[in-house]
C-alpha atoms as a PDB file:
ATOM      1  CA  MET A   1     -18.793  -1.105  25.227  1.00  0.00           C
ATOM      2  CA  THR A   2     -18.351   1.047  22.934  1.00  0.00           C
ATOM      3  CA  PHE A   3     -14.403   0.016  22.735  1.00  0.00           C
ATOM      4  CA  LEU A   4     -15.751  -2.804  21.458  1.00  0.00           C
ATOM      5  CA  ALA A   5     -17.437  -1.576  18.184  1.00  0.00           C
ATOM      6  CA  ILE A   6     -14.176   0.963  17.895  1.00  0.00           C
ATOM      7  CA  ASP A   7     -11.775  -2.395  18.476  1.00  0.00           C
ATOM      8  CA  ALA A   8     -14.015  -4.089  15.783  1.00  0.00           C
ATOM      9  CA  GLN A   9     -13.068  -1.589  13.674  1.00  0.00           C
ATOM     10  CA  LYS A  10      -9.271  -1.208  14.103  1.00  0.00           C
ATOM     11  CA  ASN A  11      -9.689  -5.032  13.341  1.00  0.00           C
ATOM     12  CA  LEU A  12     -11.576  -4.278   9.999  1.00  0.00           C
ATOM     13  CA  PHE A  13      -8.769  -1.517   9.107  1.00  0.00           C
ATOM     14  CA  THR A  14      -5.920  -3.886  10.179  1.00  0.00           C
ATOM     15  CA  LEU A  15      -7.071  -6.811   7.716  1.00  0.00           C
ATOM     16  CA  GLN A  16      -7.679  -4.401   4.856  1.00  0.00           C
ATOM     17  CA  LYS A  17      -4.200  -3.205   5.323  1.00  0.00           C
ATOM     18  CA  SER A  18      -3.043  -6.767   4.802  1.00  0.00           C
ATOM     19  CA  GLN A  19      -5.176  -6.784   1.773  1.00  0.00           C
ATOM     20  CA  LEU A  20      -3.299  -3.745   0.487  1.00  0.00           C
ATOM     21  CA  GLN A  21       0.019  -4.329   1.954  1.00  0.00           C
ATOM     22  CA  PHE A  22       0.038  -8.246  -0.201  1.00  0.00           C
ATOM     23  CA  GLU A  23      -1.153  -6.281  -3.511  1.00  0.00           C
ATOM     24  CA  GLN A  24       1.728  -4.234  -2.924  1.00  0.00           C
ATOM     25  CA  THR A  25       3.525  -6.694  -3.272  1.00  0.00           C
ATOM     26  CA  LEU A  26       2.271  -8.464  -6.270  1.00  0.00           C
ATOM     27  CA  VAL A  27       2.766  -4.346  -7.981  1.00  0.00           C
ATOM     28  CA  MET A  28       6.157  -4.173  -6.946  1.00  0.00           C
ATOM     29  CA  GLY A  29       6.842  -7.488  -9.036  1.00  0.00           C
ATOM     30  CA  ARG A  30       5.392  -6.009 -11.994  1.00  0.00           C
ATOM     31  CA  VAL A  31       7.614  -3.169 -11.247  1.00  0.00           C
ATOM     32  CA  ASN A  32      10.266  -4.989 -11.358  1.00  0.00           C
ATOM     33  CA  TYR A  33       9.392  -7.515 -14.268  1.00  0.00           C
ATOM     34  CA  TYR A  34       8.654  -3.966 -16.901  1.00  0.00           C
ATOM     35  CA  THR A  35      12.459  -2.746 -15.673  1.00  0.00           C
ATOM     36  CA  LYS A  36      13.585  -5.849 -16.300  1.00  0.00           C
ATOM     37  CA  LEU A  37      11.782  -6.813 -19.911  1.00  0.00           C
ATOM     38  CA  MET A  38      12.929  -2.959 -20.830  1.00  0.00           C
ATOM     39  CA  GLY A  39      16.369  -3.277 -19.183  1.00  0.00           C
ATOM     40  CA  GLU A  40      16.978  -5.893 -22.046  1.00  0.00           C
ATOM     41  CA  ARG A  41      14.986  -4.739 -24.895  1.00  0.00           C
ATOM     42  CA  ALA A  42      16.974  -1.728 -24.540  1.00  0.00           C
ATOM     43  CA  GLN A  43      19.954  -3.716 -24.945  1.00  0.00           C
ATOM     44  CA  VAL A  44      18.724  -5.121 -27.723  1.00  0.00           C
ATOM     45  CA  LEU A  45      17.373  -1.539 -29.559  1.00  0.00           C
ATOM     46  CA  GLU A  46      21.671  -0.740 -28.418  1.00  0.00           C
ATOM     47  CA  ASP A  47      23.274  -3.427 -30.510  1.00  0.00           C
ATOM     48  CA  GLN A  48      20.563  -2.438 -33.592  1.00  0.00           C
ATOM     49  CA  GLU A  49      21.709   1.361 -32.708  1.00  0.00           C
ATOM     50  CA  ILE A  50      17.994   2.275 -32.339  1.00  0.00           C
ATOM     51  CA  ASP A  51      17.144   4.773 -29.964  1.00  0.00           C
ATOM     52  CA  CYS A  52      14.328   3.400 -27.534  1.00  0.00           C
ATOM     53  CA  ASP A  53      12.059   6.638 -27.746  1.00  0.00           C
ATOM     54  CA  ASP A  54      11.303   5.411 -31.989  1.00  0.00           C
ATOM     55  CA  ASP A  55      10.733   1.628 -30.566  1.00  0.00           C
ATOM     56  CA  PRO A  56       6.716   0.912 -29.718  1.00  0.00           C
ATOM     57  CA  GLU A  57       7.531  -1.707 -27.731  1.00  0.00           C
ATOM     58  CA  TYR A  58      10.219  -0.505 -25.824  1.00  0.00           C
ATOM     59  CA  VAL A  59       7.940   2.846 -24.797  1.00  0.00           C
ATOM     60  CA  GLU A  60       4.774   0.847 -23.985  1.00  0.00           C
ATOM     61  CA  LEU A  61       7.022  -1.281 -21.757  1.00  0.00           C
ATOM     62  CA  GLN A  62       7.840   2.341 -20.956  1.00  0.00           C
ATOM     63  CA  ARG A  63       4.274   3.040 -20.012  1.00  0.00           C
ATOM     64  CA  MET A  64       3.290  -0.370 -18.291  1.00  0.00           C
ATOM     65  CA  GLU A  65       5.752   0.396 -15.934  1.00  0.00           C
ATOM     66  CA  ALA A  66       4.606   3.976 -15.150  1.00  0.00           C
ATOM     67  CA  TYR A  67       1.511   2.613 -14.739  1.00  0.00           C
ATOM     68  CA  PHE A  68       2.567  -0.035 -12.165  1.00  0.00           C
ATOM     69  CA  GLU A  69       5.145   3.074 -10.350  1.00  0.00           C
ATOM     70  CA  THR A  70       1.411   4.866  -9.828  1.00  0.00           C
ATOM     71  CA  ARG A  71      -0.389   2.088  -8.379  1.00  0.00           C
ATOM     72  CA  GLN A  72       2.296   1.727  -5.991  1.00  0.00           C
ATOM     73  CA  ASP A  73       2.344   5.258  -4.543  1.00  0.00           C
ATOM     74  CA  SER A  74      -1.489   4.847  -4.531  1.00  0.00           C
ATOM     75  CA  LEU A  75      -1.029   2.159  -2.162  1.00  0.00           C
ATOM     76  CA  ASP A  76       1.800   3.560   0.056  1.00  0.00           C
ATOM     77  CA  SER A  77      -0.793   6.234   0.171  1.00  0.00           C
ATOM     78  CA  GLN A  78      -3.936   4.429   1.206  1.00  0.00           C
ATOM     79  CA  ILE A  79      -1.232   1.932   3.702  1.00  0.00           C
ATOM     80  CA  SER A  80      -0.293   5.292   5.553  1.00  0.00           C
ATOM     81  CA  ILE A  81      -3.866   6.446   6.077  1.00  0.00           C
ATOM     82  CA  ILE A  82      -4.830   3.322   7.334  1.00  0.00           C
ATOM     83  CA  ASP A  83      -1.965   3.157   9.653  1.00  0.00           C
ATOM     84  CA  ASN A  84      -3.284   6.416  10.738  1.00  0.00           C
ATOM     85  CA  GLU A  85      -6.751   5.104  10.980  1.00  0.00           C
ATOM     86  CA  ILE A  86      -5.303   1.976  12.393  1.00  0.00           C
ATOM     87  CA  SER A  87      -3.332   4.352  15.478  1.00  0.00           C
ATOM     88  CA  SER A  88      -6.473   6.394  16.411  1.00  0.00           C
ATOM     89  CA  LEU A  89      -8.761   3.745  16.767  1.00  0.00           C
ATOM     90  CA  LYS A  90      -5.964   1.764  19.068  1.00  0.00           C
ATOM     91  CA  ASN A  91      -6.121   5.121  21.593  1.00  0.00           C
ATOM     92  CA  LEU A  92      -9.689   5.285  21.371  1.00  0.00           C
ATOM     93  CA  VAL A  93      -9.650   1.966  22.446  1.00  0.00           C
ATOM     94  CA  ASN A  94      -7.368   2.348  25.218  1.00  0.00           C
ATOM     95  CA  ASN A  95      -8.946   6.082  26.032  1.00  0.00           C
ATOM     96  CA  ASN A  96     -11.965   4.571  26.730  1.00  0.00           C
ATOM     97  CA  ILE A  97     -11.307   1.059  28.989  1.00  0.00           C
ATOM     98  CA  LYS A  98      -9.096   3.586  31.234  1.00  0.00           C
ATOM     99  CA  SER A  99     -11.974   6.152  31.586  1.00  0.00           C
ATOM    100  CA  SER A 100     -14.277   2.792  31.410  1.00  0.00           C
ATOM    101  CA  CYS A 101     -12.033   1.087  34.664  1.00  0.00           C
ATOM    102  CA  GLY A 102     -11.032   4.973  36.017  1.00  0.00           C
ATOM    103  CA  LEU A 103     -15.741   4.871  36.546  1.00  0.00           C
ATOM    104  CA  ASN A 104     -15.808   1.447  38.006  1.00  0.00           C
ATOM    105  CA  LEU A 105     -13.423   2.399  40.658  1.00  0.00           C
ATOM    106  CA  ILE A 106     -15.524   5.751  41.168  1.00  0.00           C
ATOM    107  CA  GLY A 107     -18.837   3.855  41.574  1.00  0.00           C
ATOM    108  CA  GLY A 108     -17.496   0.006  42.890  1.00  0.00           C
END
């Protein structure tokens, strides 16, 4: 019966993974948005012959893009950890089921 509890924990991790993947999709959209804005701003600054590093708006866009890229990396790591946990729990469930079935065959 412990395999049912382990399977429930695996399902919880699977749900958490789905939530992280949804957030990851949102964050990727933000990264793309800020990258686009930076490109547009860089073009305006280039036309005016202004260095991007001297423009506070461009620097802020760069900072925001970096923040969301860092968040993206963090989500990737969290998803990877949860994937490992899910895999471990699947193995535990399978081993417990096999062990339980083996005991039933021996005892029955």
